[in-house]
Every structure is written in C-alpha cells, then in structure tokens.
C-alpha cells in the first residue's frame, strides 16, 4: 500500500547502544520528535487510511520523545556536522600519522636532488653517494666524505701517544627535504673541524656519513619509526664493514663512532644508542642532538595545547614515539650494567626555535644531569629551528661539539 504525503519520515542515528528515531510530521506547524528505542524493540509502522499522521508501535521496548522546535533544527544539524568533522579529523591523524610526521616529498624536488647540484657550494669538500641495505632488504642511500682532523703537539712529559683513532660521524636528518641540500652547511662544519688549532687528536681522518632514511632522497620504501630503526642500524653496519675493509682487524686504528641527529633525527639517534643492534666493534661514543625534542607525545602537546582540540589526547594511538627522554634512561642504565663509559651528549639548540620550545631542550639537558651522563649544551643565537647550523655561530658550535665528543671518547678509552 503506497504511503501518503502525510506519512512520517524516519532517520536512525546510533548513539551509546540506543537507536534514535527522528520523527517529523509533514504537516505544517508540527514540531520534531526525537524518539529513543532500545535495540531489542521491534518497530511497526502503520499508515492509517485517511489519517493525517502515522503510528509507531513498539513491542518489548521503551521509548522517550524529545520535541525539538523547527527553529532549532538547523543548529542541531550544524552541531552534528561539526562533531562528525571533529571525529573524522581525529581518525585521519591516527591513520595517516606517518605521512604527517615524515615528509620526504617536501619540497617537491627533494626526491630528485643530486649531490652534483650542490657541489659548488661545498667549499672543496667532495661528497660521494654510496648504497647499502637494511636487514629487511630496503635499499638505502648514503652521502659520505672524509676530511683530515687536526693533530696536537704533546709535551715530553705527556703520556705516550695512544694508538691512532678514526672518527666516524653518522648523520640523521630532520623530517623533510633530503641530504644534498644539507651538504653545504655540513661541509662548512667539517672544514671548521679540520682547520681547528685545538691540539686534541692524533693525526687521523674523520669520515662523515649522511644516511638517507627509507622513502627519502633515492632510498626505497616508506618511512616509519620501526623502519628508521633498521635504517640506522644499517648505517652503523656499513661503517663497521668499511672500517674493517680499510684498516683490517689488526687493531692499530681504533674507530670512534659519533651520532648526529637533527630534529626527528635526534630521536633516531637516541633510539640507536639505546636499543640499536650495533656491532660490538663499533660502539656509539657520543651523541650530538641538534634541536631535539623530548618525544612525539610532548610535541603533540606543544603543537596543540588547546584543551578543546582532541589531538594531544590521541597519544595512546601513536605508532611513532621517538622518545629521547626514555632512551637517555636506557643508555644510562646500560652503561651502569656493562660497566662501560657512557656516551657524551651535546645538545645544540636554536635560540628562536619556533617548533621545539626551549623547555624541551632544558628537560633533556636536566635528564642527562640527573642520570649522570656527561652533557654539554650550546645555543645558537637568533636562529630558528632549521637555522641551527645555517648560521655561522651554529657551524662553529657544531664543529666544537664534534671535537669535544671525539676527545671525550678518546680520553674515556
């Protein structure tokens, strides 16, 4: 039997296990009725002949009617749309968090960059591209170079010169762009290290290795924290294999491995130092953390401090943590259990960092102090997050940090 225009329109919206029916009379001047029905209630609709309304019969359930005047219906619908958008945004942030945190496609040309495009700005430092692979088979790109380190004059009363050491710096970049645009600034730092007059190291070389995460530059795969852990371990293995290939196993040249991480790269660096599977012949002896943050959870609270926004409350759904705070605790604990010297930590912060507040670097510094880790901190004045080593003062501080970390590793044996 066809329904007449006077029949009642129904809409069901699930809410808290209860079915809600919105019943609106098509007769002018009638109000809207919001009826709740328990899920087990059976609904029977009838259209009485010649009637101006419909009847809804409920069997085995209770109902409650809320009358909404027509003038309030648009605000109710608008509020429902806002709540739906709010929930949709939360779901998207959880599902696509890897794409939000890691941005290998920014700027759009980053995947097509070449070392040769930036060679003229590297001041004579020659970089070459190498390839390696993570344990899961993902092919990774490396940019490497080697520079001489300053030699020091020792007095006759000084202790005998120890065996030569070769310093390796493994560099982890931030969350966007690629390795080649960073090479000019890194080259300046390396020249400052090489030209230093500080009598701190025996004659040797420094090999600088820039690792391109999976999904970045010419590396394969897609970035994620578990994947970046494997990439970092692959970088250390490549250095260990190169050292053995060049110097052999005679032990006359001892490797000193320093790890430099910028922004999210600082989290990758502390992950590697805390839980990374590295060869026993290549322990991490120093950490240079450039514009680091405490953790992804702390950054959520920093970027979205408003209580009415849901994003900072989504941390239980994080698949990426980059928790430098917890990693420093694991590093200190492992050092005590093994009876070995803990790696020195150097924190390089930007004075006007617009992304990572100064409180976070202060927390990391104090964390190192509380744990008994050797730590120093340097501040680059008038620098923003991406300018820590782009400015001259930052380059000098980074060069001093590399020399201090190398010397501390040398002295601690």
Protein backbone atom coordinates (compact mmCIF):
# COMPACT_ATOMS: atom_id res chain seq x y z
CA UNK A 1 0.00 0.00 0.00
CA UNK A 2 1.65 3.31 -1.05
CA UNK A 3 2.30 5.88 1.66
CA UNK A 4 0.58 9.22 1.54
CA UNK A 5 2.46 12.56 1.85
CA UNK A 6 1.27 12.75 5.42
CA UNK A 7 3.34 9.78 6.43
CA UNK A 8 6.18 10.20 8.89
CA UNK A 9 9.84 10.35 7.80
CA UNK A 10 12.30 8.32 9.87
CA UNK A 11 16.05 8.70 10.40
CA UNK A 12 18.12 6.43 12.66
CA UNK A 13 21.37 7.55 14.35
CA UNK A 14 23.33 5.08 16.56
CA UNK A 15 24.34 6.58 19.89
CA UNK A 16 25.53 4.71 23.00
CA UNK A 17 23.85 1.46 22.05
CA UNK A 18 20.43 3.07 21.65
CA UNK A 19 18.61 3.61 18.38
CA UNK A 20 17.32 7.11 17.94
CA UNK A 21 14.46 7.87 15.62
CA UNK A 22 13.76 11.38 14.43
CA UNK A 23 10.07 11.64 13.62
CA UNK A 24 8.94 14.74 11.88
CA UNK A 25 5.36 15.39 10.83
CA UNK A 26 4.99 16.75 7.36
CA UNK A 27 2.04 18.83 8.45
CA UNK A 28 2.88 22.49 8.82
CA UNK A 29 3.31 23.77 12.31
CA UNK A 30 4.20 20.39 13.84
CA UNK A 31 7.35 20.01 15.98
CA UNK A 32 10.07 17.39 15.62
CA UNK A 33 10.00 14.35 17.88
CA UNK A 34 13.23 12.56 18.82
CA UNK A 35 12.30 9.05 19.97
CA UNK A 36 14.77 6.65 21.60
CA UNK A 37 14.18 2.92 21.26
CA UNK A 38 16.14 0.09 22.82
CA UNK A 39 17.87 -2.12 20.22
CA UNK A 40 15.68 -5.10 21.04
CA UNK A 41 12.47 -3.21 20.40
CA UNK A 42 10.62 -4.15 17.22
CA UNK A 43 9.13 -1.29 15.25
CA UNK A 44 5.90 -1.49 13.33
CA UNK A 45 4.76 1.41 11.17
CA UNK A 46 1.23 1.83 10.02
CA UNK A 47 -0.33 4.38 7.73
CA UNK A 48 -3.99 4.66 8.68
CA UNK A 49 -6.27 5.28 5.79
CA UNK A 50 -7.37 8.85 5.52
CA UNK A 51 -5.27 9.81 8.55
CA UNK A 52 -3.01 12.82 8.84
CA UNK A 53 -0.31 11.09 10.85
CA UNK A 54 1.36 7.72 11.31
CA UNK A 55 1.56 5.46 14.32
CA UNK A 56 4.74 3.76 15.55
CA UNK A 57 4.12 0.66 17.65
CA UNK A 58 6.97 -0.67 19.85
CA UNK A 59 6.99 -4.21 21.08
CA UNK A 60 9.17 -5.09 24.05
CA UNK A 61 10.90 -1.70 24.30
CA UNK A 62 10.54 1.64 25.97
CA UNK A 63 10.54 4.97 24.22
CA UNK A 64 11.06 8.61 25.07
CA UNK A 65 10.17 11.62 22.99
CA UNK A 66 12.10 14.88 22.85
CA UNK A 67 10.37 17.62 20.93
CA UNK A 68 12.68 19.98 19.00
CA UNK A 69 11.07 23.11 17.58
CA UNK A 70 11.74 23.58 13.86
CA UNK A 71 13.71 26.75 14.51
CA UNK A 72 16.33 24.73 16.46
CA UNK A 73 16.74 22.00 13.87
CA UNK A 74 19.41 23.82 11.76
CA UNK A 75 21.70 24.41 14.78
CA UNK A 76 21.31 20.76 15.78
CA UNK A 77 22.25 19.60 12.28
CA UNK A 78 25.18 22.05 12.12
CA UNK A 79 26.48 20.83 15.50
CA UNK A 80 26.23 17.25 14.30
CA UNK A 81 28.29 18.11 11.23
CA UNK A 82 30.97 19.74 13.41
CA UNK A 83 31.13 16.68 15.67
CA UNK A 84 31.37 14.43 12.62
CA UNK A 85 34.21 16.54 11.19
CA UNK A 86 35.97 16.51 14.57
CA UNK A 87 35.84 12.71 14.71
CA UNK A 88 36.90 12.40 11.07
CA UNK A 89 39.96 14.60 11.66
CA UNK A 90 40.98 12.50 14.68
CA UNK A 91 40.70 9.29 12.68
CA UNK A 92 42.74 10.76 9.82
CA UNK A 93 45.51 11.89 12.18
CA UNK A 94 45.78 8.40 13.66
CA UNK A 95 45.62 6.55 10.34
CA UNK A 96 47.97 8.86 8.41
CA UNK A 97 50.37 9.81 11.21
CA UNK A 98 53.39 8.54 9.26
CA UNK A 99 52.62 10.95 6.42
CA UNK A 100 52.18 13.81 8.90
CA UNK A 101 55.44 13.15 10.77
CA UNK A 102 57.66 12.18 7.83
CA UNK A 103 57.64 14.41 4.76
CA UNK A 104 60.12 13.03 2.21
CA UNK A 105 58.24 14.71 -0.65
CA UNK A 106 58.72 18.28 0.61
CA UNK A 107 59.81 20.26 -1.27
CA UNK A 108 58.51 18.50 -4.40
CA UNK A 109 62.02 18.30 -5.91
CA UNK A 110 63.58 16.59 -2.88
CA UNK A 111 63.49 13.09 -4.39
CA UNK A 112 65.32 14.31 -7.50
CA UNK A 113 68.16 16.19 -5.80
CA UNK A 114 71.73 15.29 -6.79
CA UNK A 115 74.98 15.80 -4.94
CA UNK A 116 76.41 17.44 -8.06
CA UNK A 117 73.75 20.17 -7.86
CA UNK A 118 75.24 21.38 -4.58
CA UNK A 119 78.92 20.52 -5.10
CA UNK A 120 79.91 24.11 -5.95
CA UNK A 121 78.65 25.28 -2.54
CA UNK A 122 80.59 22.69 -0.51
CA UNK A 123 83.88 24.61 -0.43
CA UNK A 124 86.06 21.87 -1.81
CA UNK A 125 84.60 19.04 0.29
CA UNK A 126 83.88 16.18 -2.10
CA UNK A 127 80.86 14.02 -1.37
CA UNK A 128 80.07 10.68 -2.97
CA UNK A 129 76.90 8.59 -2.98
CA UNK A 130 77.02 5.02 -1.68
CA UNK A 131 74.35 2.34 -1.31
CA UNK A 132 73.54 -0.09 1.47
CA UNK A 133 70.54 -2.13 2.60
CA UNK A 134 68.62 -2.65 5.83
CA UNK A 135 68.03 -6.14 7.18
CA UNK A 136 64.56 -6.18 5.61
CA UNK A 137 66.11 -5.61 2.19
CA UNK A 138 65.22 -1.92 1.82
CA UNK A 139 67.84 -0.17 -0.32
CA UNK A 140 69.26 3.00 1.25
CA UNK A 141 71.37 5.89 0.00
CA UNK A 142 74.39 7.38 1.80
CA UNK A 143 76.40 10.53 1.20
CA UNK A 144 79.97 10.23 2.53
CA UNK A 145 83.16 12.25 2.68
CA UNK A 146 86.43 12.24 4.63
CA UNK A 147 88.47 15.15 5.96
CA UNK A 148 91.71 15.25 7.99
CA UNK A 149 91.48 16.03 11.68
CA UNK A 150 93.87 18.40 13.48
CA UNK A 151 96.95 16.88 15.11
CA UNK A 152 98.09 18.03 18.50
CA UNK A 153 101.56 18.66 19.89
CA UNK A 154 102.21 16.90 23.14
CA UNK A 155 104.90 17.85 25.61
CA UNK A 156 107.72 15.50 26.53
CA UNK A 157 106.15 14.98 29.94
CA UNK A 158 102.88 13.93 28.43
CA UNK A 159 101.76 10.34 28.38
CA UNK A 160 102.78 8.29 25.35
CA UNK A 161 100.72 8.83 22.22
CA UNK A 162 97.90 6.27 22.09
CA UNK A 163 97.03 4.27 19.04
CA UNK A 164 95.56 6.25 16.17
CA UNK A 165 91.82 6.66 16.04
CA UNK A 166 89.50 7.13 13.11
CA UNK A 167 86.41 9.20 13.83
CA UNK A 168 83.10 8.45 12.11
CA UNK A 169 80.08 10.72 12.29
CA UNK A 170 76.74 9.18 11.33
CA UNK A 171 74.26 11.94 10.47
CA UNK A 172 70.45 11.66 10.67
CA UNK A 173 68.42 14.44 9.05
CA UNK A 174 65.11 16.05 10.00
CA UNK A 175 61.66 15.10 8.74
CA UNK A 176 61.63 16.93 5.38
CA UNK A 177 63.79 17.55 2.32
CA UNK A 178 66.78 15.33 1.51
CA UNK A 179 70.50 15.02 2.10
CA UNK A 180 72.07 17.05 -0.79
CA UNK A 181 70.73 20.50 0.28
CA UNK A 182 72.26 19.94 3.71
CA UNK A 183 75.74 19.19 2.37
CA UNK A 184 76.95 22.83 2.05
CA UNK A 185 76.31 23.56 5.75
CA UNK A 186 77.76 20.23 6.83
CA UNK A 187 80.81 20.88 4.64
CA UNK A 188 81.42 24.16 6.45
CA UNK A 189 81.29 22.33 9.78
CA UNK A 190 83.75 19.74 8.52
CA UNK A 191 86.16 22.43 7.30
CA UNK A 192 85.95 24.09 10.72
CA UNK A 193 86.77 20.76 12.37
CA UNK A 194 89.69 20.17 10.01
CA UNK A 195 91.09 23.69 10.42
CA UNK A 196 90.81 23.72 14.21
CA UNK A 197 94.00 24.61 16.06
CA UNK A 198 92.97 22.75 19.18
CA UNK A 199 95.57 20.07 19.98
CA UNK A 200 93.08 17.37 20.73
CA UNK A 201 93.57 14.43 18.38
CA UNK A 202 96.38 12.42 16.90
CA UNK A 203 96.74 12.60 13.11
CA UNK A 204 93.78 10.81 11.60
CA UNK A 205 90.73 11.40 9.44
CA UNK A 206 87.06 12.00 10.05
CA UNK A 207 84.61 10.12 7.85
CA UNK A 208 81.20 11.75 7.65
CA UNK A 209 78.27 9.50 6.67
CA UNK A 210 74.83 11.01 5.95
CA UNK A 211 72.12 8.36 5.97
CA UNK A 212 69.01 8.85 3.86
CA UNK A 213 66.03 7.20 5.55
CA UNK A 214 63.78 4.87 3.61
CA UNK A 215 61.45 6.88 1.40
CA UNK A 216 63.83 9.88 1.38
CA UNK A 217 66.03 11.04 -1.49
CA UNK A 218 66.91 7.94 -3.56
CA UNK A 219 66.24 5.41 -0.80
CA UNK A 220 63.43 2.91 -1.30
CA UNK A 221 60.49 2.11 0.97
CA UNK A 222 58.24 4.20 3.18
CA UNK A 223 59.28 5.89 6.43
CA UNK A 224 58.12 4.70 9.85
CA UNK A 225 59.81 4.53 13.23
CA UNK A 226 60.45 0.75 13.09
CA UNK A 227 61.82 1.22 9.58
CA UNK A 228 64.07 4.10 10.63
CA UNK A 229 65.47 1.91 13.41
CA UNK A 230 66.52 -0.64 10.81
CA UNK A 231 67.97 2.12 8.62
CA UNK A 232 70.07 3.49 11.48
CA UNK A 233 71.44 0.03 12.25
CA UNK A 234 72.26 -0.42 8.56
CA UNK A 235 74.28 2.80 8.65
CA UNK A 236 76.38 1.55 11.57
CA UNK A 237 76.95 -1.80 9.86
CA UNK A 238 78.12 -0.02 6.72
CA UNK A 239 80.64 1.99 8.77
CA UNK A 240 81.88 -1.14 10.59
CA UNK A 241 82.34 -3.01 7.31
CA UNK A 242 84.16 -0.06 5.75
CA UNK A 243 86.48 0.28 8.74
CA UNK A 244 87.34 -3.41 8.61
CA UNK A 245 87.88 -3.25 4.85
CA UNK A 246 90.19 -0.21 5.10
CA UNK A 247 92.07 -0.89 8.33
CA UNK A 248 91.64 -4.63 8.80
CA UNK A 249 91.42 -6.42 12.14
CA UNK A 250 94.92 -5.62 13.40
CA UNK A 251 93.50 -3.07 15.82
CA UNK A 252 96.10 -0.38 15.15
CA UNK A 253 93.38 2.16 14.30
CA UNK A 254 90.51 2.34 16.75
CA UNK A 255 87.11 3.54 15.47
CA UNK A 256 85.26 6.30 17.29
CA UNK A 257 81.59 6.48 16.29
CA UNK A 258 79.65 9.69 16.90
CA UNK A 259 75.96 10.05 16.00
CA UNK A 260 74.48 13.41 14.98
CA UNK A 261 70.70 13.77 14.78
CA UNK A 262 68.74 16.85 13.76
CA UNK A 263 65.12 17.32 14.94
CA UNK A 264 63.43 13.92 14.48
CA UNK A 265 66.91 12.64 13.66
CA UNK A 266 67.76 13.23 17.33
CA UNK A 267 65.06 10.70 18.21
CA UNK A 268 66.51 8.27 15.66
CA UNK A 269 69.97 8.80 17.19
CA UNK A 270 68.83 8.10 20.76
CA UNK A 271 66.83 5.09 19.54
CA UNK A 272 70.01 3.70 18.01
CA UNK A 273 72.12 4.39 21.09
CA UNK A 274 69.51 2.94 23.47
CA UNK A 275 68.18 -0.15 21.71
CA UNK A 276 70.01 -0.42 18.39
CA UNK A 277 71.76 -3.62 17.36
CA UNK A 278 75.24 -2.34 16.56
CA UNK A 279 78.46 -4.34 16.10
CA UNK A 280 80.47 -4.77 19.28
CA UNK A 281 83.48 -3.29 17.48
CA UNK A 282 81.57 -0.08 16.76
CA UNK A 283 80.01 1.25 19.99
CA UNK A 284 78.44 4.71 19.97
CA UNK A 285 80.77 7.08 21.83
CA UNK A 286 78.97 10.41 21.51
CA UNK A 287 75.63 11.98 20.62
CA UNK A 288 75.16 15.39 19.02
CA UNK A 289 71.46 16.28 19.31
CA UNK A 290 70.56 19.30 17.15
CA UNK A 291 67.23 21.00 18.02
CA UNK A 292 65.93 17.83 19.73
CA UNK A 293 62.54 17.31 21.32
CA UNK A 294 61.53 15.13 24.26
CA UNK A 295 59.16 12.83 22.33
CA UNK A 296 56.38 12.83 19.74
CA UNK A 297 53.85 12.88 22.58
CA UNK A 298 55.45 16.01 24.03
CA UNK A 299 55.39 17.62 20.58
CA UNK A 300 51.66 16.87 20.26
CA UNK A 301 51.05 18.79 23.48
CA UNK A 302 53.28 21.61 22.25
CA UNK A 303 51.73 21.99 18.81
CA UNK A 304 48.13 21.53 20.03
CA UNK A 305 47.97 22.92 23.58
CA UNK A 306 44.26 23.84 23.40
CA UNK A 307 42.14 21.66 25.67
CA UNK A 308 39.19 21.70 23.28
CA UNK A 309 41.29 20.19 20.48
CA UNK A 310 41.47 16.39 20.58
CA UNK A 311 44.91 15.87 19.06
CA UNK A 312 47.06 15.81 22.18
CA UNK A 313 44.74 13.20 23.67
CA UNK A 314 45.43 10.81 20.78
CA UNK A 315 48.87 9.79 22.07
CA UNK A 316 47.73 6.24 23.03
CA UNK A 317 47.27 5.65 19.28
CA UNK A 318 50.80 6.77 18.35
CA UNK A 319 52.87 4.33 16.29
CA UNK A 320 55.85 6.70 16.33
CA UNK A 321 57.33 7.80 19.65
CA UNK A 322 60.96 8.91 19.11
CA UNK A 323 61.19 9.11 22.88
CA UNK A 324 64.59 10.64 23.63
CA UNK A 325 63.62 11.06 27.30
CA UNK A 326 63.14 7.33 27.76
CA UNK A 327 66.10 6.47 25.54
CA UNK A 328 68.51 8.50 27.68
CA UNK A 329 67.39 6.47 30.68
CA UNK A 330 68.09 3.22 28.81
CA UNK A 331 71.53 4.48 27.76
CA UNK A 332 72.48 5.34 31.34
CA UNK A 333 71.16 2.02 32.61
CA UNK A 334 73.08 0.00 30.02
CA UNK A 335 76.27 1.90 30.86
CA UNK A 336 75.95 1.03 34.55
CA UNK A 337 75.12 -2.61 33.88
CA UNK A 338 78.02 -3.08 31.45
CA UNK A 339 80.49 -1.02 33.44
CA UNK A 340 81.38 0.94 30.30
CA UNK A 341 81.75 4.66 29.79
CA UNK A 342 78.50 6.34 28.83
CA UNK A 343 78.50 8.32 25.58
CA UNK A 344 78.78 12.06 25.94
CA UNK A 345 75.74 14.11 24.88
CA UNK A 346 75.97 17.55 23.27
CA UNK A 347 72.66 19.42 22.83
CA UNK A 348 72.61 22.14 20.18
CA UNK A 349 69.52 24.35 20.46
CA UNK A 350 68.23 27.25 18.36
CA UNK A 351 67.58 30.41 20.35
CA UNK A 352 64.36 31.26 18.46
CA UNK A 353 63.18 27.76 17.72
CA UNK A 354 59.56 28.16 16.60
CA UNK A 355 58.77 24.42 16.70
CA UNK A 356 60.57 22.97 19.70
CA UNK A 357 60.26 25.15 22.82
CA UNK A 358 63.36 25.81 24.89
CA UNK A 359 61.77 23.93 27.80
CA UNK A 360 62.14 20.64 25.93
CA UNK A 361 65.88 21.00 25.40
CA UNK A 362 66.20 22.10 29.02
CA UNK A 363 64.34 18.95 30.09
CA UNK A 364 66.69 16.76 28.06
CA UNK A 365 69.75 18.51 29.47
CA UNK A 366 68.50 18.09 33.04
CA UNK A 367 67.62 14.48 32.28
CA UNK A 368 71.24 13.81 31.34
CA UNK A 369 72.46 15.55 34.50
CA UNK A 370 70.09 13.51 36.69
CA UNK A 371 71.20 10.26 35.02
CA UNK A 372 74.88 11.06 35.36
CA UNK A 373 75.51 11.26 31.60
CA UNK A 374 78.25 13.66 30.53
CA UNK A 375 76.44 16.51 28.77
CA UNK A 376 77.00 19.98 27.38
CA UNK A 377 74.63 22.41 25.72
CA UNK A 378 75.18 25.15 23.19
CA UNK A 379 72.71 27.79 21.98
CA UNK A 380 72.77 29.34 18.52
CA UNK A 381 71.62 32.96 18.92
CA UNK A 382 68.97 34.46 16.62
CA UNK A 383 68.34 31.08 14.95
CA UNK A 384 65.11 29.30 14.11
CA UNK A 385 64.52 25.55 14.01
CA UNK A 386 66.05 24.96 10.58
CA UNK A 387 68.86 27.51 11.04
CA UNK A 388 70.89 25.94 13.83
CA UNK A 389 73.87 25.17 11.57
CA UNK A 390 72.85 27.51 8.75
CA UNK A 391 74.24 30.44 10.75
CA UNK A 392 77.93 30.96 11.34
CA UNK A 393 77.68 30.68 15.12
CA UNK A 394 75.85 27.38 14.77
CA UNK A 395 78.50 25.96 12.45
CA UNK A 396 81.23 26.85 14.93
CA UNK A 397 79.30 25.29 17.81
CA UNK A 398 78.69 22.12 15.81
CA UNK A 399 82.38 21.87 14.93
CA UNK A 400 83.34 22.35 18.58
CA UNK A 401 80.81 19.70 19.56
CA UNK A 402 82.30 17.15 17.16
CA UNK A 403 85.79 17.80 18.53
CA UNK A 404 84.62 17.62 22.16
CA UNK A 405 82.74 14.38 21.59
CA UNK A 406 85.72 12.84 19.80
CA UNK A 407 88.14 13.94 22.51
CA UNK A 408 85.88 12.69 25.29
CA UNK A 409 85.62 9.31 23.56
CA UNK A 410 89.40 9.24 23.15
CA UNK A 411 90.06 10.09 26.79
CA UNK A 412 87.48 7.69 28.18
CA UNK A 413 89.02 4.81 26.30
